[in-house]
């Protein structure tokens, strides 16, 4: 399991809300709100597939981190499912 997979697993297990965040053209961006109020972001190209997701920013109350961590197709399929139904 990669670091990106770990971030994805935690967000999918504990996330309380998922939204499609604004992104540049050609990018799908998800924002998953975590129980502590932080928001984990994930991105992939619009024409990409499950193996193209990346864990990007983590915005937390009073802090934040920027990641560019790849996510394997196994966990990317979960993000694809969420992205298909997110408002």
N, C-alpha and C. Protein backbone atom coordinates (compact mmCIF):
# COMPACT_ATOMS: atom_id res chain seq x y z
N UNK A 1 0.86 -1.18 0.00
CA UNK A 1 0.00 0.00 0.00
C UNK A 1 0.90 1.24 0.00
N UNK A 2 0.65 2.14 -0.93
CA UNK A 2 1.43 3.37 -1.03
C UNK A 2 0.90 4.41 -0.05
N UNK A 3 1.66 5.49 0.12
CA UNK A 3 1.19 6.58 0.99
C UNK A 3 -0.11 7.16 0.44
N UNK A 4 -0.20 7.30 -0.88
CA UNK A 4 -1.44 7.79 -1.49
C UNK A 4 -2.62 6.88 -1.20
N UNK A 5 -2.37 5.56 -1.22
CA UNK A 5 -3.43 4.59 -0.88
C UNK A 5 -3.86 4.75 0.57
N UNK A 6 -2.90 4.98 1.45
CA UNK A 6 -3.21 5.16 2.87
C UNK A 6 -4.09 6.39 3.08
N UNK A 7 -3.74 7.49 2.42
CA UNK A 7 -4.56 8.71 2.52
C UNK A 7 -5.97 8.46 1.98
N UNK A 8 -6.05 7.73 0.87
CA UNK A 8 -7.34 7.42 0.26
C UNK A 8 -8.18 6.53 1.16
N UNK A 9 -7.57 5.48 1.69
CA UNK A 9 -8.29 4.55 2.57
C UNK A 9 -8.86 5.28 3.77
N UNK A 10 -8.06 6.13 4.39
CA UNK A 10 -8.53 6.88 5.56
C UNK A 10 -9.69 7.80 5.19
N UNK A 11 -9.57 8.49 4.06
CA UNK A 11 -10.63 9.41 3.64
C UNK A 11 -11.92 8.65 3.30
N UNK A 12 -11.80 7.52 2.61
CA UNK A 12 -13.00 6.76 2.25
C UNK A 12 -13.65 6.11 3.47
N UNK A 13 -12.84 5.69 4.43
CA UNK A 13 -13.39 5.05 5.64
C UNK A 13 -14.05 6.05 6.58
N UNK A 14 -13.42 7.22 6.76
CA UNK A 14 -13.88 8.13 7.80
C UNK A 14 -14.54 9.39 7.26
N UNK A 15 -14.46 9.62 5.95
CA UNK A 15 -14.99 10.86 5.39
C UNK A 15 -16.47 11.06 5.70
N UNK A 16 -16.82 12.31 5.97
CA UNK A 16 -18.19 12.63 6.34
C UNK A 16 -18.97 13.32 5.22
N UNK A 17 -18.24 13.87 4.26
CA UNK A 17 -18.90 14.55 3.14
C UNK A 17 -17.94 14.55 1.96
N UNK A 18 -18.48 14.37 0.77
CA UNK A 18 -17.68 14.39 -0.45
C UNK A 18 -18.30 15.40 -1.41
N UNK A 19 -17.48 16.25 -1.99
CA UNK A 19 -17.95 17.18 -3.01
C UNK A 19 -16.96 17.20 -4.16
N UNK A 20 -17.48 17.53 -5.32
CA UNK A 20 -16.60 17.79 -6.46
C UNK A 20 -16.14 19.23 -6.30
N UNK A 21 -14.85 19.41 -6.11
CA UNK A 21 -14.30 20.75 -5.93
C UNK A 21 -14.00 21.37 -7.29
N UNK A 22 -13.95 22.70 -7.32
CA UNK A 22 -13.62 23.36 -8.58
C UNK A 22 -12.18 23.02 -8.97
N UNK A 23 -11.97 22.86 -10.25
CA UNK A 23 -10.66 22.47 -10.77
C UNK A 23 -10.49 23.05 -12.17
N UNK A 24 -9.25 23.14 -12.62
CA UNK A 24 -9.03 23.59 -13.99
C UNK A 24 -9.69 22.64 -14.99
N UNK A 25 -9.97 23.10 -16.21
CA UNK A 25 -10.54 22.21 -17.22
C UNK A 25 -9.66 20.97 -17.41
N UNK A 26 -10.32 19.84 -17.57
CA UNK A 26 -9.60 18.60 -17.79
C UNK A 26 -9.19 17.86 -16.53
N UNK A 27 -9.61 18.37 -15.36
CA UNK A 27 -9.25 17.77 -14.08
C UNK A 27 -10.52 17.48 -13.27
N UNK A 28 -10.60 16.29 -12.70
CA UNK A 28 -11.66 15.95 -11.73
C UNK A 28 -11.02 16.11 -10.36
N UNK A 29 -11.67 16.85 -9.48
CA UNK A 29 -11.13 17.09 -8.14
C UNK A 29 -12.20 16.78 -7.11
N UNK A 30 -11.87 15.91 -6.17
CA UNK A 30 -12.77 15.58 -5.06
C UNK A 30 -12.24 16.18 -3.77
N UNK A 31 -13.15 16.62 -2.93
CA UNK A 31 -12.81 17.10 -1.60
C UNK A 31 -13.59 16.24 -0.60
N UNK A 32 -12.87 15.55 0.27
CA UNK A 32 -13.50 14.68 1.27
C UNK A 32 -13.23 15.28 2.64
N UNK A 33 -14.31 15.63 3.35
CA UNK A 33 -14.20 16.21 4.68
C UNK A 33 -14.04 15.10 5.71
N UNK A 34 -13.00 15.22 6.53
CA UNK A 34 -12.68 14.22 7.55
C UNK A 34 -13.30 14.60 8.89
N UNK A 35 -13.39 13.66 9.84
CA UNK A 35 -14.04 13.92 11.12
C UNK A 35 -13.44 15.08 11.91
N UNK A 36 -12.14 15.36 11.75
CA UNK A 36 -11.51 16.45 12.50
C UNK A 36 -11.69 17.80 11.84
N UNK A 37 -12.45 17.85 10.75
CA UNK A 37 -12.70 19.10 10.04
C UNK A 37 -11.74 19.36 8.90
N UNK A 38 -10.71 18.54 8.76
CA UNK A 38 -9.77 18.68 7.64
C UNK A 38 -10.44 18.21 6.35
N UNK A 39 -9.89 18.65 5.23
CA UNK A 39 -10.39 18.24 3.92
C UNK A 39 -9.24 17.68 3.10
N UNK A 40 -9.39 16.44 2.66
CA UNK A 40 -8.39 15.80 1.80
C UNK A 40 -8.86 15.91 0.36
N UNK A 41 -7.97 16.36 -0.53
CA UNK A 41 -8.29 16.52 -1.94
C UNK A 41 -7.63 15.43 -2.77
N UNK A 42 -8.32 15.02 -3.82
CA UNK A 42 -7.83 14.02 -4.77
C UNK A 42 -8.09 14.54 -6.17
N UNK A 43 -7.17 14.26 -7.11
CA UNK A 43 -7.32 14.73 -8.49
C UNK A 43 -6.93 13.65 -9.48
N UNK A 44 -7.56 13.72 -10.64
CA UNK A 44 -7.14 12.92 -11.80
C UNK A 44 -7.58 13.64 -13.06
N UNK A 45 -6.93 13.35 -14.19
CA UNK A 45 -7.40 13.92 -15.45
C UNK A 45 -8.82 13.42 -15.76
N UNK A 46 -9.63 14.26 -16.35
CA UNK A 46 -11.01 13.89 -16.69
C UNK A 46 -11.03 12.64 -17.57
N UNK A 47 -10.10 12.53 -18.49
CA UNK A 47 -10.05 11.37 -19.38
C UNK A 47 -9.27 10.20 -18.77
N UNK A 48 -8.81 10.37 -17.53
CA UNK A 48 -8.01 9.33 -16.88
C UNK A 48 -8.86 8.21 -16.31
N UNK A 49 -8.18 7.23 -15.75
CA UNK A 49 -8.85 6.08 -15.16
C UNK A 49 -8.49 5.93 -13.70
N UNK A 50 -8.82 4.78 -13.15
CA UNK A 50 -8.63 4.51 -11.73
C UNK A 50 -7.19 4.66 -11.27
N UNK A 51 -6.24 4.34 -12.11
CA UNK A 51 -4.82 4.41 -11.74
C UNK A 51 -4.24 5.81 -11.87
N UNK A 52 -5.05 6.79 -12.28
CA UNK A 52 -4.54 8.14 -12.50
C UNK A 52 -4.83 9.11 -11.35
N UNK A 53 -5.49 8.65 -10.30
CA UNK A 53 -5.78 9.51 -9.15
C UNK A 53 -4.50 9.84 -8.39
N UNK A 54 -4.48 11.02 -7.80
CA UNK A 54 -3.37 11.45 -6.94
C UNK A 54 -3.97 12.11 -5.71
N UNK A 55 -3.36 11.87 -4.56
CA UNK A 55 -3.73 12.59 -3.34
C UNK A 55 -2.99 13.92 -3.41
N UNK A 56 -3.72 15.02 -3.25
CA UNK A 56 -3.09 16.33 -3.38
C UNK A 56 -3.08 17.05 -2.03
N UNK A 57 -3.88 18.09 -1.84
CA UNK A 57 -3.79 18.87 -0.61
C UNK A 57 -4.60 18.28 0.54
N UNK A 58 -4.10 18.51 1.73
CA UNK A 58 -4.84 18.25 2.97
C UNK A 58 -4.97 19.58 3.66
N UNK A 59 -6.19 20.10 3.72
CA UNK A 59 -6.45 21.37 4.39
C UNK A 59 -6.99 21.07 5.78
N UNK A 60 -6.29 21.53 6.80
CA UNK A 60 -6.73 21.30 8.16
C UNK A 60 -6.96 22.61 8.89
N UNK A 61 -7.72 22.55 9.98
CA UNK A 61 -7.91 23.76 10.79
C UNK A 61 -6.56 24.25 11.30
N UNK A 62 -6.11 25.39 10.82
CA UNK A 62 -4.87 25.97 11.27
C UNK A 62 -3.61 25.43 10.62
N UNK A 63 -3.74 24.51 9.67
CA UNK A 63 -2.54 23.97 9.00
C UNK A 63 -2.94 23.34 7.68
N UNK A 64 -1.95 22.85 6.98
CA UNK A 64 -2.22 22.18 5.72
C UNK A 64 -0.96 21.56 5.16
N UNK A 65 -1.13 20.64 4.26
CA UNK A 65 -0.01 19.96 3.61
C UNK A 65 -0.33 19.83 2.13
N UNK A 66 0.70 19.83 1.31
CA UNK A 66 0.53 19.61 -0.12
C UNK A 66 1.22 18.30 -0.46
N UNK A 67 0.46 17.40 -1.06
CA UNK A 67 0.97 16.11 -1.49
C UNK A 67 0.85 16.02 -3.01
N UNK A 68 1.57 15.11 -3.58
CA UNK A 68 1.39 14.71 -4.97
C UNK A 68 1.69 13.22 -5.01
N UNK A 69 0.82 12.47 -4.33
CA UNK A 69 1.04 11.04 -4.12
C UNK A 69 0.17 10.20 -5.05
N UNK A 70 0.78 9.30 -5.80
CA UNK A 70 -0.01 8.43 -6.67
C UNK A 70 -0.87 7.46 -5.86
N UNK A 71 -1.97 7.06 -6.46
CA UNK A 71 -2.91 6.11 -5.84
C UNK A 71 -3.04 4.93 -6.80
N UNK A 72 -2.99 3.73 -6.28
CA UNK A 72 -3.12 2.55 -7.14
C UNK A 72 -4.56 2.42 -7.66
N UNK A 73 -4.71 1.66 -8.74
CA UNK A 73 -6.03 1.47 -9.35
C UNK A 73 -7.02 0.87 -8.37
N UNK A 74 -6.54 0.01 -7.48
CA UNK A 74 -7.44 -0.62 -6.49
C UNK A 74 -8.18 0.43 -5.67
N UNK A 75 -7.46 1.42 -5.15
CA UNK A 75 -8.09 2.48 -4.36
C UNK A 75 -8.70 3.54 -5.26
N UNK A 76 -8.16 3.71 -6.46
CA UNK A 76 -8.71 4.66 -7.41
C UNK A 76 -10.12 4.30 -7.84
N UNK A 77 -10.43 3.00 -7.89
CA UNK A 77 -11.80 2.58 -8.23
C UNK A 77 -12.80 3.10 -7.20
N UNK A 78 -12.41 3.11 -5.94
CA UNK A 78 -13.28 3.68 -4.91
C UNK A 78 -13.52 5.16 -5.14
N UNK A 79 -12.46 5.89 -5.51
CA UNK A 79 -12.62 7.31 -5.80
C UNK A 79 -13.47 7.52 -7.05
N UNK A 80 -13.33 6.65 -8.06
CA UNK A 80 -14.17 6.74 -9.26
C UNK A 80 -15.65 6.61 -8.89
N UNK A 81 -15.95 5.66 -8.01
CA UNK A 81 -17.33 5.44 -7.58
C UNK A 81 -17.87 6.66 -6.86
N UNK A 82 -17.08 7.21 -5.96
CA UNK A 82 -17.49 8.40 -5.21
C UNK A 82 -17.65 9.59 -6.17
N UNK A 83 -16.72 9.76 -7.10
CA UNK A 83 -16.78 10.88 -8.04
C UNK A 83 -18.03 10.83 -8.91
N UNK A 84 -18.47 9.63 -9.24
CA UNK A 84 -19.64 9.47 -10.10
C UNK A 84 -20.93 9.91 -9.40
N UNK A 85 -20.93 9.93 -8.08
CA UNK A 85 -22.15 10.27 -7.34
C UNK A 85 -22.02 11.56 -6.53
N UNK A 86 -20.84 12.16 -6.49
CA UNK A 86 -20.63 13.37 -5.67
C UNK A 86 -21.32 14.57 -6.30
N UNK A 87 -21.90 15.42 -5.44
CA UNK A 87 -22.53 16.64 -5.97
C UNK A 87 -21.50 17.64 -6.47
